[in-house]
Protein backbone atom coordinates (compact mmCIF):
# COMPACT_ATOMS: atom_id res chain seq x y z
CA MET A 1 -60.43 104.31 -14.35
CA LYS A 2 -60.73 104.97 -18.15
CA THR A 3 -59.82 102.74 -21.12
CA ALA A 4 -58.04 105.81 -22.68
CA ASP A 5 -55.72 105.86 -19.69
CA LEU A 6 -55.03 102.21 -19.90
CA ILE A 7 -54.12 102.14 -23.43
CA ASP A 8 -51.96 105.11 -22.91
CA ASN A 9 -50.02 103.34 -20.01
CA HIS A 10 -50.07 99.76 -21.12
CA ALA A 11 -50.56 99.65 -25.04
CA ALA A 12 -48.06 96.73 -25.34
CA GLN A 13 -50.33 94.61 -22.92
CA LEU A 14 -53.61 95.41 -24.40
CA GLU A 15 -55.63 94.58 -27.54
CA PHE A 16 -58.43 96.97 -28.67
CA VAL A 17 -61.65 94.97 -29.51
CA HIS A 18 -62.46 96.67 -32.84
CA LEU A 19 -66.26 96.52 -32.97
CA PRO A 20 -68.86 99.35 -32.74
CA PHE A 21 -70.18 98.56 -29.44
CA ARG A 22 -73.07 100.43 -27.89
CA LYS A 23 -72.87 100.81 -24.00
CA PHE A 24 -75.97 100.10 -21.77
CA GLY A 25 -76.38 100.36 -18.06
CA GLN A 26 -75.35 102.68 -15.38
CA LYS A 27 -71.73 101.45 -14.56
CA ALA A 28 -69.33 103.78 -16.36
CA PHE A 29 -66.46 101.41 -16.40
CA ILE A 30 -66.01 97.72 -15.85
CA GLY A 31 -62.81 95.83 -15.67
CA GLY A 32 -61.85 92.25 -14.51
CA MET A 33 -61.56 88.54 -15.21
CA ILE A 34 -63.52 87.16 -17.92
CA GLU A 35 -65.68 83.93 -18.48
CA THR A 36 -66.58 83.15 -22.10
CA VAL A 37 -69.65 81.73 -23.76
CA LYS A 38 -70.46 81.26 -27.47
CA CYS A 39 -74.29 81.09 -28.46
CA PHE A 40 -75.71 82.07 -31.78
CA GLU A 41 -79.28 83.49 -31.45
CA GLU A 42 -79.77 81.27 -28.33
CA ASN A 43 -78.91 82.02 -24.82
CA THR A 44 -79.38 78.88 -22.54
CA LYS A 45 -75.73 78.81 -21.65
CA MET A 46 -75.55 82.54 -20.79
CA ARG A 47 -78.64 81.99 -18.62
CA GLU A 48 -76.87 79.25 -16.72
CA LEU A 49 -73.72 81.32 -16.06
CA LEU A 50 -75.66 84.51 -15.12
CA GLN A 51 -77.48 82.71 -12.50
CA SER A 52 -74.31 81.30 -10.99
CA PRO A 53 -71.94 83.28 -8.63
CA GLY A 54 -70.20 86.01 -11.01
CA LYS A 55 -67.56 86.87 -8.35
CA GLY A 56 -67.12 90.27 -10.16
CA ARG A 57 -66.33 88.69 -13.37
CA ILE A 58 -67.24 90.04 -16.96
CA LEU A 59 -69.07 87.65 -19.20
CA VAL A 60 -67.73 87.65 -22.85
CA VAL A 61 -70.42 86.38 -25.31
CA ASP A 62 -69.82 85.49 -28.88
CA GLY A 63 -73.35 85.78 -30.36
CA GLY A 64 -71.91 85.59 -33.85
CA GLY A 65 -72.39 89.27 -34.44
CA SER A 66 -76.21 88.82 -34.88
CA THR A 67 -78.38 91.74 -34.34
CA ARG A 68 -81.41 89.82 -35.67
CA THR A 69 -82.11 88.23 -32.29
CA ALA A 70 -81.48 89.44 -28.68
CA ILE A 71 -79.56 87.25 -26.42
CA LEU A 72 -79.91 89.41 -23.21
CA GLY A 73 -82.86 91.21 -21.74
CA ASP A 74 -83.77 92.96 -18.56
CA LYS A 75 -84.37 89.63 -16.71
CA MET A 76 -81.01 88.17 -17.63
CA ALA A 77 -79.39 91.42 -16.72
CA GLY A 78 -81.15 91.32 -13.30
CA TRP A 79 -79.78 87.94 -12.75
CA ALA A 80 -76.33 88.94 -13.59
CA ILE A 81 -76.47 91.74 -11.00
CA ASP A 82 -78.00 89.54 -8.45
CA SER A 83 -75.30 86.78 -8.88
CA GLY A 84 -72.35 89.44 -8.75
CA TRP A 85 -71.41 89.69 -12.48
CA ALA A 86 -69.80 93.22 -13.14
CA GLY A 87 -70.95 93.22 -16.72
CA LEU A 88 -71.25 91.73 -20.17
CA ILE A 89 -69.43 92.22 -23.58
CA ILE A 90 -71.74 90.77 -26.14
CA ASN A 91 -70.72 90.23 -29.78
CA GLY A 92 -74.76 90.47 -30.70
CA ALA A 93 -77.82 92.34 -29.51
CA ILE A 94 -79.84 92.88 -26.50
CA ARG A 95 -83.44 93.78 -25.78
CA ASP A 96 -85.21 95.78 -23.12
CA SER A 97 -82.59 98.44 -23.57
CA VAL A 98 -84.50 101.23 -21.67
CA GLU A 99 -84.63 98.94 -18.65
CA VAL A 100 -81.26 97.53 -18.89
CA ASN A 101 -79.83 101.33 -19.11
CA GLU A 102 -81.36 102.00 -15.62
CA MET A 103 -79.66 99.00 -14.07
CA ASP A 104 -76.32 98.97 -11.94
CA ILE A 105 -74.37 97.12 -14.69
CA ALA A 106 -72.30 97.73 -17.95
CA VAL A 107 -73.39 95.87 -21.01
CA PHE A 108 -71.61 96.37 -24.36
CA ALA A 109 -73.46 94.96 -27.38
CA LEU A 110 -73.65 95.64 -31.04
CA GLY A 111 -77.32 96.85 -30.87
CA THR A 112 -80.77 95.96 -29.95
CA SER A 113 -83.52 93.77 -31.28
CA PRO A 114 -87.13 93.08 -29.70
CA VAL A 115 -86.86 89.49 -31.02
CA ARG A 116 -86.42 86.90 -28.22
CA SER A 117 -83.63 84.15 -28.57
CA GLU A 118 -84.17 80.45 -28.94
CA LYS A 119 -83.74 78.03 -26.23
CA THR A 120 -81.95 75.14 -27.89
CA ASN A 121 -79.02 74.52 -25.41
CA ALA A 122 -76.74 74.85 -28.30
CA GLY A 123 -74.19 77.11 -26.74
CA GLN A 124 -70.68 76.39 -25.17
CA SER A 125 -68.90 78.09 -22.20
CA GLY A 126 -65.43 78.25 -21.00
CA ILE A 127 -63.96 77.97 -24.53
CA ASP A 128 -61.84 80.46 -26.38
CA VAL A 129 -63.89 82.85 -28.47
CA LYS A 130 -62.93 85.31 -31.28
CA PHE A 131 -64.41 88.52 -32.49
CA GLY A 132 -63.41 92.12 -33.09
CA GLY A 133 -59.93 90.94 -34.00
CA VAL A 134 -59.26 89.47 -30.45
CA ARG A 135 -59.04 86.00 -29.13
CA PHE A 136 -60.65 85.90 -25.75
CA GLU A 137 -59.61 83.27 -22.98
CA SER A 138 -61.57 82.53 -19.88
CA GLY A 139 -59.46 83.72 -16.91
CA HIS A 140 -57.91 86.69 -18.88
CA TYR A 141 -59.07 90.23 -18.48
CA VAL A 142 -61.34 92.89 -20.12
CA TYR A 143 -61.73 96.63 -19.48
CA ALA A 144 -64.53 98.59 -21.12
CA ASP A 145 -66.13 101.99 -21.01
CA ALA A 146 -67.84 104.34 -23.45
CA ASP A 147 -64.59 104.69 -25.32
CA GLY A 148 -64.43 101.05 -26.23
CA VAL A 149 -63.16 97.51 -25.08
CA LEU A 150 -59.61 96.42 -24.22
CA TYR A 151 -58.37 92.85 -23.62
CA SER A 152 -55.42 91.60 -21.62
CA PRO A 153 -53.93 88.36 -20.57
CA ALA A 154 -52.87 90.20 -17.44
CA ASN A 155 -54.62 92.12 -14.71
CA LEU A 156 -53.64 95.79 -15.18
CA VAL A 157 -55.75 97.47 -12.56
């Protein structure tokens, strides 16, 4: 499956997330139901979610677009894999990118930062988040590969 084919065949049902994501990890494509979390330079709620059963879902994270602080690293990516998450779409930065690139996951983020996030428990999960011109709702769907990220209220694959 490719996002280019999806948009060619289902343009009316898809929204393009217009942000310059970088792709990390070994998975070439991810697609599936999403769970949302909002956290700015802080990752406590992300950590909780990634240690709970992912059931093949994709975690969509509104990190406020910050590339100053990483909100995901190799340990959390490992928890995501172990818990059955397919991948993450992060409006923010990651760290440990060399290690994440070697893992069986797909992570889309705006960039990297070596700076560790805060642990203030200030995030929220299961709420609508908006970035890249798209409003994401938990239970809807996202599809992503090296060409970009697409959002849909319906499952198209």
